[in-house]
Amino acid sequence: MAKVCQITGRKRMKGNNVAHSKLRTKRDFSLNLKNKKFWSEEEQRFITLKVSCKGIREIEKNGLEATIAKAKKAGLVNLV
């Protein structure tokens, strides 16, 4: 998985640069992705995920185990 958040499933978006003359050229809106280690109290180990900052906030709000379970159900993350 290249530039995709493993928790939220967000990807980069395509758009346009618009010049003053209204000339449009293609551009990418990149995600703010981070490789982050989270401590899993249930498994007693670190889990490394590629997550966006929105995904990090979601983990802090709902907890790691609940968020990973939700992402697995959506088919976004596959941990061993």
PDB file of N, CA and C in Angstrom:
ATOM      1  N   MET A   1       0.838  -1.172   0.000  1.00  0.00           N
ATOM      2  CA  MET A   1       0.000   0.000   0.000  1.00  0.00           C
ATOM      3  C   MET A   1       0.884   1.237   0.000  1.00  0.00           C
ATOM      4  N   ALA A   2       0.789   2.006  -1.026  1.00  0.00           N
ATOM      5  CA  ALA A   2       1.686   3.137  -1.174  1.00  0.00           C
ATOM      6  C   ALA A   2       1.253   4.315  -0.305  1.00  0.00           C
ATOM      7  N   LYS A   3       0.526   5.262  -0.851  1.00  0.00           N
ATOM      8  CA  LYS A   3       0.159   6.464  -0.113  1.00  0.00           C
ATOM      9  C   LYS A   3      -1.297   6.393   0.312  1.00  0.00           C
ATOM     10  N   VAL A   4      -1.584   5.427   1.205  1.00  0.00           N
ATOM     11  CA  VAL A   4      -2.943   5.222   1.707  1.00  0.00           C
ATOM     12  C   VAL A   4      -2.862   5.063   3.213  1.00  0.00           C
ATOM     13  N   CYS A   5      -3.760   5.729   3.920  1.00  0.00           N
ATOM     14  CA  CYS A   5      -3.837   5.595   5.369  1.00  0.00           C
ATOM     15  C   CYS A   5      -4.454   4.241   5.700  1.00  0.00           C
ATOM     16  N   GLN A   6      -3.817   3.486   6.601  1.00  0.00           N
ATOM     17  CA  GLN A   6      -4.290   2.155   6.942  1.00  0.00           C
ATOM     18  C   GLN A   6      -5.482   2.188   7.895  1.00  0.00           C
ATOM     19  N   ILE A   7      -5.785   3.320   8.475  1.00  0.00           N
ATOM     20  CA  ILE A   7      -6.912   3.430   9.391  1.00  0.00           C
ATOM     21  C   ILE A   7      -8.130   4.036   8.711  1.00  0.00           C
ATOM     22  N   THR A   8      -7.964   5.155   8.046  1.00  0.00           N
ATOM     23  CA  THR A   8      -9.113   5.845   7.450  1.00  0.00           C
ATOM     24  C   THR A   8      -9.338   5.483   5.990  1.00  0.00           C
ATOM     25  N   GLY A   9      -8.298   4.978   5.313  1.00  0.00           N
ATOM     26  CA  GLY A   9      -8.435   4.636   3.902  1.00  0.00           C
ATOM     27  C   GLY A   9      -8.306   5.823   2.970  1.00  0.00           C
ATOM     28  N   ARG A  10      -7.891   6.959   3.496  1.00  0.00           N
ATOM     29  CA  ARG A  10      -7.749   8.158   2.676  1.00  0.00           C
ATOM     30  C   ARG A  10      -6.578   8.006   1.709  1.00  0.00           C
ATOM     31  N   LYS A  11      -6.743   8.563   0.499  1.00  0.00           N
ATOM     32  CA  LYS A  11      -5.706   8.532  -0.534  1.00  0.00           C
ATOM     33  C   LYS A  11      -5.414   9.953  -0.971  1.00  0.00           C
ATOM     34  N   ARG A  12      -4.372  10.082  -1.793  1.00  0.00           N
ATOM     35  CA  ARG A  12      -4.098  11.411  -2.338  1.00  0.00           C
ATOM     36  C   ARG A  12      -5.176  11.767  -3.342  1.00  0.00           C
ATOM     37  N   MET A  13      -5.433  13.057  -3.484  1.00  0.00           N
ATOM     38  CA  MET A  13      -6.469  13.537  -4.389  1.00  0.00           C
ATOM     39  C   MET A  13      -5.817  14.267  -5.558  1.00  0.00           C
ATOM     40  N   LYS A  14      -6.505  14.274  -6.684  1.00  0.00           N
ATOM     41  CA  LYS A  14      -6.050  15.012  -7.859  1.00  0.00           C
ATOM     42  C   LYS A  14      -6.832  16.315  -7.939  1.00  0.00           C
ATOM     43  N   GLY A  15      -6.167  17.337  -8.431  1.00  0.00           N
ATOM     44  CA  GLY A  15      -6.824  18.629  -8.582  1.00  0.00           C
ATOM     45  C   GLY A  15      -6.090  19.474  -9.592  1.00  0.00           C
ATOM     46  N   ASN A  16      -6.354  20.751  -9.571  1.00  0.00           N
ATOM     47  CA  ASN A  16      -5.764  21.687 -10.516  1.00  0.00           C
ATOM     48  C   ASN A  16      -5.051  22.815  -9.797  1.00  0.00           C
ATOM     49  N   ASN A  17      -3.910  23.221 -10.348  1.00  0.00           N
ATOM     50  CA  ASN A  17      -3.330  24.514 -10.029  1.00  0.00           C
ATOM     51  C   ASN A  17      -4.007  25.507 -10.946  1.00  0.00           C
ATOM     52  N   VAL A  18      -4.528  26.585 -10.414  1.00  0.00           N
ATOM     53  CA  VAL A  18      -5.212  27.575 -11.238  1.00  0.00           C
ATOM     54  C   VAL A  18      -4.399  28.863 -11.210  1.00  0.00           C
ATOM     55  N   ALA A  19      -3.894  29.253 -12.380  1.00  0.00           N
ATOM     56  CA  ALA A  19      -3.103  30.471 -12.497  1.00  0.00           C
ATOM     57  C   ALA A  19      -4.031  31.684 -12.552  1.00  0.00           C
ATOM     58  N   HIS A  20      -3.437  32.857 -12.456  1.00  0.00           N
ATOM     59  CA  HIS A  20      -4.210  34.098 -12.524  1.00  0.00           C
ATOM     60  C   HIS A  20      -4.957  34.200 -13.860  1.00  0.00           C
ATOM     61  N   SER A  21      -4.373  33.640 -14.917  1.00  0.00           N
ATOM     62  CA  SER A  21      -4.997  33.672 -16.244  1.00  0.00           C
ATOM     63  C   SER A  21      -6.010  32.539 -16.424  1.00  0.00           C
ATOM     64  N   LYS A  22      -6.337  31.838 -15.348  1.00  0.00           N
ATOM     65  CA  LYS A  22      -7.270  30.702 -15.334  1.00  0.00           C
ATOM     66  C   LYS A  22      -6.729  29.471 -16.053  1.00  0.00           C
ATOM     67  N   LEU A  23      -5.445  29.448 -16.346  1.00  0.00           N
ATOM     68  CA  LEU A  23      -4.810  28.279 -16.937  1.00  0.00           C
ATOM     69  C   LEU A  23      -4.719  27.193 -15.873  1.00  0.00           C
ATOM     70  N   ARG A  24      -5.169  25.986 -16.192  1.00  0.00           N
ATOM     71  CA  ARG A  24      -5.205  24.910 -15.216  1.00  0.00           C
ATOM     72  C   ARG A  24      -4.179  23.824 -15.555  1.00  0.00           C
ATOM     73  N   THR A  25      -3.405  23.427 -14.559  1.00  0.00           N
ATOM     74  CA  THR A  25      -2.488  22.310 -14.694  1.00  0.00           C
ATOM     75  C   THR A  25      -2.753  21.343 -13.545  1.00  0.00           C
ATOM     76  N   LYS A  26      -2.537  20.051 -13.797  1.00  0.00           N
ATOM     77  CA  LYS A  26      -2.831  19.028 -12.795  1.00  0.00           C
ATOM     78  C   LYS A  26      -1.842  19.079 -11.631  1.00  0.00           C
ATOM     79  N   ARG A  27      -2.338  18.736 -10.447  1.00  0.00           N
ATOM     80  CA  ARG A  27      -1.503  18.637  -9.253  1.00  0.00           C
ATOM     81  C   ARG A  27      -2.076  17.579  -8.338  1.00  0.00           C
ATOM     82  N   ASP A  28      -1.284  17.167  -7.337  1.00  0.00           N
ATOM     83  CA  ASP A  28      -1.713  16.192  -6.341  1.00  0.00           C
ATOM     84  C   ASP A  28      -1.871  16.883  -4.991  1.00  0.00           C
ATOM     85  N   PHE A  29      -2.883  16.478  -4.258  1.00  0.00           N
ATOM     86  CA  PHE A  29      -3.039  16.877  -2.868  1.00  0.00           C
ATOM     87  C   PHE A  29      -2.594  15.673  -2.047  1.00  0.00           C
ATOM     88  N   SER A  30      -1.403  15.754  -1.474  1.00  0.00           N
ATOM     89  CA  SER A  30      -0.839  14.628  -0.737  1.00  0.00           C
ATOM     90  C   SER A  30      -1.379  14.568   0.682  1.00  0.00           C
ATOM     91  N   LEU A  31      -1.350  13.381   1.248  1.00  0.00           N
ATOM     92  CA  LEU A  31      -1.739  13.188   2.637  1.00  0.00           C
ATOM     93  C   LEU A  31      -0.575  13.488   3.553  1.00  0.00           C
ATOM     94  N   ASN A  32      -0.908  13.744   4.793  1.00  0.00           N
ATOM     95  CA  ASN A  32       0.113  13.917   5.819  1.00  0.00           C
ATOM     96  C   ASN A  32       0.308  12.558   6.488  1.00  0.00           C
ATOM     97  N   LEU A  33       1.006  11.638   5.797  1.00  0.00           N
ATOM     98  CA  LEU A  33       1.188  10.273   6.281  1.00  0.00           C
ATOM     99  C   LEU A  33       2.423  10.160   7.162  1.00  0.00           C
ATOM    100  N   LYS A  34       2.282   9.371   8.211  1.00  0.00           N
ATOM    101  CA  LYS A  34       3.387   9.099   9.122  1.00  0.00           C
ATOM    102  C   LYS A  34       3.475   7.601   9.353  1.00  0.00           C
ATOM    103  N   ASN A  35       4.695   7.072   9.457  1.00  0.00           N
ATOM    104  CA  ASN A  35       4.901   5.701   9.929  1.00  0.00           C
ATOM    105  C   ASN A  35       5.006   5.797  11.442  1.00  0.00           C
ATOM    106  N   LYS A  36       4.028   5.238  12.136  1.00  0.00           N
ATOM    107  CA  LYS A  36       3.953   5.422  13.582  1.00  0.00           C
ATOM    108  C   LYS A  36       3.799   4.078  14.282  1.00  0.00           C
ATOM    109  N   LYS A  37       4.504   3.926  15.406  1.00  0.00           N
ATOM    110  CA  LYS A  37       4.391   2.723  16.228  1.00  0.00           C
ATOM    111  C   LYS A  37       3.407   2.994  17.350  1.00  0.00           C
ATOM    112  N   PHE A  38       2.488   2.057  17.534  1.00  0.00           N
ATOM    113  CA  PHE A  38       1.524   2.137  18.622  1.00  0.00           C
ATOM    114  C   PHE A  38       1.707   0.913  19.513  1.00  0.00           C
ATOM    115  N   TRP A  39       1.630   1.109  20.837  1.00  0.00           N
ATOM    116  CA  TRP A  39       1.752  -0.004  21.765  1.00  0.00           C
ATOM    117  C   TRP A  39       0.389  -0.656  21.933  1.00  0.00           C
ATOM    118  N   SER A  40       0.331  -1.945  21.657  1.00  0.00           N
ATOM    119  CA  SER A  40      -0.886  -2.716  21.835  1.00  0.00           C
ATOM    120  C   SER A  40      -0.828  -3.401  23.188  1.00  0.00           C
ATOM    121  N   GLU A  41      -1.679  -2.955  24.096  1.00  0.00           N
ATOM    122  CA  GLU A  41      -1.718  -3.533  25.442  1.00  0.00           C
ATOM    123  C   GLU A  41      -2.245  -4.967  25.392  1.00  0.00           C
ATOM    124  N   GLU A  42      -3.138  -5.230  24.465  1.00  0.00           N
ATOM    125  CA  GLU A  42      -3.731  -6.562  24.324  1.00  0.00           C
ATOM    126  C   GLU A  42      -2.704  -7.599  23.876  1.00  0.00           C
ATOM    127  N   GLU A  43      -1.851  -7.224  22.896  1.00  0.00           N
ATOM    128  CA  GLU A  43      -0.866  -8.151  22.342  1.00  0.00           C
ATOM    129  C   GLU A  43       0.516  -7.999  22.965  1.00  0.00           C
ATOM    130  N   GLN A  44       0.715  -6.977  23.797  1.00  0.00           N
ATOM    131  CA  GLN A  44       1.999  -6.693  24.441  1.00  0.00           C
ATOM    132  C   GLN A  44       3.122  -6.529  23.421  1.00  0.00           C
ATOM    133  N   ARG A  45       2.865  -5.760  22.368  1.00  0.00           N
ATOM    134  CA  ARG A  45       3.889  -5.486  21.353  1.00  0.00           C
ATOM    135  C   ARG A  45       3.564  -4.178  20.652  1.00  0.00           C
ATOM    136  N   PHE A  46       4.548  -3.662  19.911  1.00  0.00           N
ATOM    137  CA  PHE A  46       4.329  -2.469  19.104  1.00  0.00           C
ATOM    138  C   PHE A  46       3.738  -2.867  17.760  1.00  0.00           C
ATOM    139  N   ILE A  47       2.821  -2.068  17.264  1.00  0.00           N
ATOM    140  CA  ILE A  47       2.231  -2.247  15.939  1.00  0.00           C
ATOM    141  C   ILE A  47       2.581  -1.010  15.123  1.00  0.00           C
ATOM    142  N   THR A  48       3.231  -1.210  13.977  1.00  0.00           N
ATOM    143  CA  THR A  48       3.604  -0.100  13.108  1.00  0.00           C
ATOM    144  C   THR A  48       2.557   0.063  12.027  1.00  0.00           C
ATOM    145  N   LEU A  49       2.033   1.278  11.912  1.00  0.00           N
ATOM    146  CA  LEU A  49       1.008   1.590  10.918  1.00  0.00           C
ATOM    147  C   LEU A  49       1.412   2.820  10.124  1.00  0.00           C
ATOM    148  N   LYS A  50       0.973   2.880   8.882  1.00  0.00           N
ATOM    149  CA  LYS A  50       1.135   4.081   8.068  1.00  0.00           C
ATOM    150  C   LYS A  50      -0.195   4.823   8.135  1.00  0.00           C
ATOM    151  N   VAL A  51      -0.226   5.892   8.934  1.00  0.00           N
ATOM    152  CA  VAL A  51      -1.477   6.584   9.215  1.00  0.00           C
ATOM    153  C   VAL A  51      -1.363   8.068   8.926  1.00  0.00           C
ATOM    154  N   SER A  52      -2.500   8.656   8.579  1.00  0.00           N
ATOM    155  CA  SER A  52      -2.587  10.103   8.436  1.00  0.00           C
ATOM    156  C   SER A  52      -2.800  10.708   9.811  1.00  0.00           C
ATOM    157  N   CYS A  53      -2.668  12.013   9.907  1.00  0.00           N
ATOM    158  CA  CYS A  53      -2.857  12.668  11.195  1.00  0.00           C
ATOM    159  C   CYS A  53      -4.304  12.531  11.660  1.00  0.00           C
ATOM    160  N   LYS A  54      -5.239  12.474  10.735  1.00  0.00           N
ATOM    161  CA  LYS A  54      -6.635  12.229  11.088  1.00  0.00           C
ATOM    162  C   LYS A  54      -6.788  10.835  11.697  1.00  0.00           C
ATOM    163  N   GLY A  55      -6.056   9.864  11.164  1.00  0.00           N
ATOM    164  CA  GLY A  55      -6.076   8.514  11.704  1.00  0.00           C
ATOM    165  C   GLY A  55      -5.486   8.438  13.104  1.00  0.00           C
ATOM    166  N   ILE A  56      -4.429   9.222  13.358  1.00  0.00           N
ATOM    167  CA  ILE A  56      -3.822   9.265  14.686  1.00  0.00           C
ATOM    168  C   ILE A  56      -4.814   9.831  15.698  1.00  0.00           C
ATOM    169  N   ARG A  57      -5.527  10.876  15.315  1.00  0.00           N
ATOM    170  CA  ARG A  57      -6.536  11.457  16.201  1.00  0.00           C
ATOM    171  C   ARG A  57      -7.666  10.466  16.483  1.00  0.00           C
ATOM    172  N   GLU A  58      -8.040   9.690  15.459  1.00  0.00           N
ATOM    173  CA  GLU A  58      -9.087   8.686  15.631  1.00  0.00           C
ATOM    174  C   GLU A  58      -8.646   7.599  16.608  1.00  0.00           C
ATOM    175  N   ILE A  59      -7.371   7.183  16.527  1.00  0.00           N
ATOM    176  CA  ILE A  59      -6.841   6.183  17.457  1.00  0.00           C
ATOM    177  C   ILE A  59      -6.817   6.736  18.879  1.00  0.00           C
ATOM    178  N   GLU A  60      -6.421   7.987  19.045  1.00  0.00           N
ATOM    179  CA  GLU A  60      -6.389   8.593  20.374  1.00  0.00           C
ATOM    180  C   GLU A  60      -7.788   8.717  20.960  1.00  0.00           C
ATOM    181  N   LYS A  61      -8.772   8.965  20.114  1.00  0.00           N
ATOM    182  CA  LYS A  61     -10.139   9.149  20.588  1.00  0.00           C
ATOM    183  C   LYS A  61     -10.808   7.818  20.937  1.00  0.00           C
ATOM    184  N   ASN A  62     -10.720   6.827  20.041  1.00  0.00           N
ATOM    185  CA  ASN A  62     -11.471   5.584  20.198  1.00  0.00           C
ATOM    186  C   ASN A  62     -10.663   4.438  20.782  1.00  0.00           C
ATOM    187  N   GLY A  63      -9.361   4.564  20.831  1.00  0.00           N
ATOM    188  CA  GLY A  63      -8.509   3.481  21.315  1.00  0.00           C
ATOM    189  C   GLY A  63      -7.979   2.660  20.146  1.00  0.00           C
ATOM    190  N   LEU A  64      -6.809   2.053  20.346  1.00  0.00           N
ATOM    191  CA  LEU A  64      -6.123   1.327  19.279  1.00  0.00           C
ATOM    192  C   LEU A  64      -6.882   0.083  18.851  1.00  0.00           C
ATOM    193  N   GLU A  65      -7.307  -0.727  19.810  1.00  0.00           N
ATOM    194  CA  GLU A  65      -7.936  -2.008  19.476  1.00  0.00           C
ATOM    195  C   GLU A  65      -9.252  -1.808  18.726  1.00  0.00           C
ATOM    196  N   ALA A  66     -10.071  -0.868  19.186  1.00  0.00           N
ATOM    197  CA  ALA A  66     -11.365  -0.612  18.537  1.00  0.00           C
ATOM    198  C   ALA A  66     -11.175  -0.058  17.130  1.00  0.00           C
ATOM    199  N   THR A  67     -10.192   0.817  16.968  1.00  0.00           N
ATOM    200  CA  THR A  67      -9.950   1.425  15.658  1.00  0.00           C
ATOM    201  C   THR A  67      -9.405   0.403  14.669  1.00  0.00           C
ATOM    202  N   ILE A  68      -8.499  -0.470  15.114  1.00  0.00           N
ATOM    203  CA  ILE A  68      -7.950  -1.498  14.231  1.00  0.00           C
ATOM    204  C   ILE A  68      -9.041  -2.499  13.851  1.00  0.00           C
ATOM    205  N   ALA A  69      -9.908  -2.834  14.792  1.00  0.00           N
ATOM    206  CA  ALA A  69     -11.008  -3.755  14.486  1.00  0.00           C
ATOM    207  C   ALA A  69     -11.935  -3.163  13.427  1.00  0.00           C
ATOM    208  N   LYS A  70     -12.205  -1.866  13.532  1.00  0.00           N
ATOM    209  CA  LYS A  70     -13.051  -1.179  12.549  1.00  0.00           C
ATOM    210  C   LYS A  70     -12.380  -1.151  11.177  1.00  0.00           C
ATOM    211  N   ALA A  71     -11.051  -0.909  11.154  1.00  0.00           N
ATOM    212  CA  ALA A  71     -10.308  -0.862   9.892  1.00  0.00           C
ATOM    213  C   ALA A  71     -10.223  -2.249   9.255  1.00  0.00           C
ATOM    214  N   LYS A  72     -10.075  -3.301  10.069  1.00  0.00           N
ATOM    215  CA  LYS A  72     -10.051  -4.669   9.540  1.00  0.00           C
ATOM    216  C   LYS A  72     -11.391  -5.028   8.913  1.00  0.00           C
ATOM    217  N   LYS A  73     -12.466  -4.599   9.558  1.00  0.00           N
ATOM    218  CA  LYS A  73     -13.806  -4.873   9.040  1.00  0.00           C
ATOM    219  C   LYS A  73     -14.013  -4.186   7.699  1.00  0.00           C
ATOM    220  N   ALA A  74     -13.425  -2.999   7.535  1.00  0.00           N
ATOM    221  CA  ALA A  74     -13.516  -2.266   6.282  1.00  0.00           C
ATOM    222  C   ALA A  74     -12.510  -2.772   5.245  1.00  0.00           C
ATOM    223  N   GLY A  75     -11.586  -3.659   5.652  1.00  0.00           N
ATOM    224  CA  GLY A  75     -10.603  -4.227   4.741  1.00  0.00           C
ATOM    225  C   GLY A  75      -9.417  -3.326   4.468  1.00  0.00           C
ATOM    226  N   LEU A  76      -9.104  -2.429   5.406  1.00  0.00           N
ATOM    227  CA  LEU A  76      -8.018  -1.470   5.193  1.00  0.00           C
ATOM    228  C   LEU A  76      -6.683  -1.943   5.747  1.00  0.00           C
ATOM    229  N   VAL A  77      -6.708  -2.683   6.826  1.00  0.00           N
ATOM    230  CA  VAL A  77      -5.464  -3.091   7.481  1.00  0.00           C
ATOM    231  C   VAL A  77      -5.457  -4.612   7.590  1.00  0.00           C
ATOM    232  N   ASN A  78      -4.288  -5.199   7.363  1.00  0.00           N
ATOM    233  CA  ASN A  78      -4.151  -6.649   7.527  1.00  0.00           C
ATOM    234  C   ASN A  78      -2.910  -6.920   8.370  1.00  0.00           C
ATOM    235  N   LEU A  79      -3.147  -7.122   9.658  1.00  0.00           N
ATOM    236  CA  LEU A  79      -2.073  -7.409  10.594  1.00  0.00           C
ATOM    237  C   LEU A  79      -2.033  -8.901  10.885  1.00  0.00           C
ATOM    238  N   VAL A  80      -0.826  -9.399  11.139  1.00  0.00           N
ATOM    239  CA  VAL A  80      -0.660 -10.824  11.440  1.00  0.00           C
ATOM    240  C   VAL A  80      -0.764 -11.041  12.927  1.00  0.00           C
TER     241      VAL A  80
END
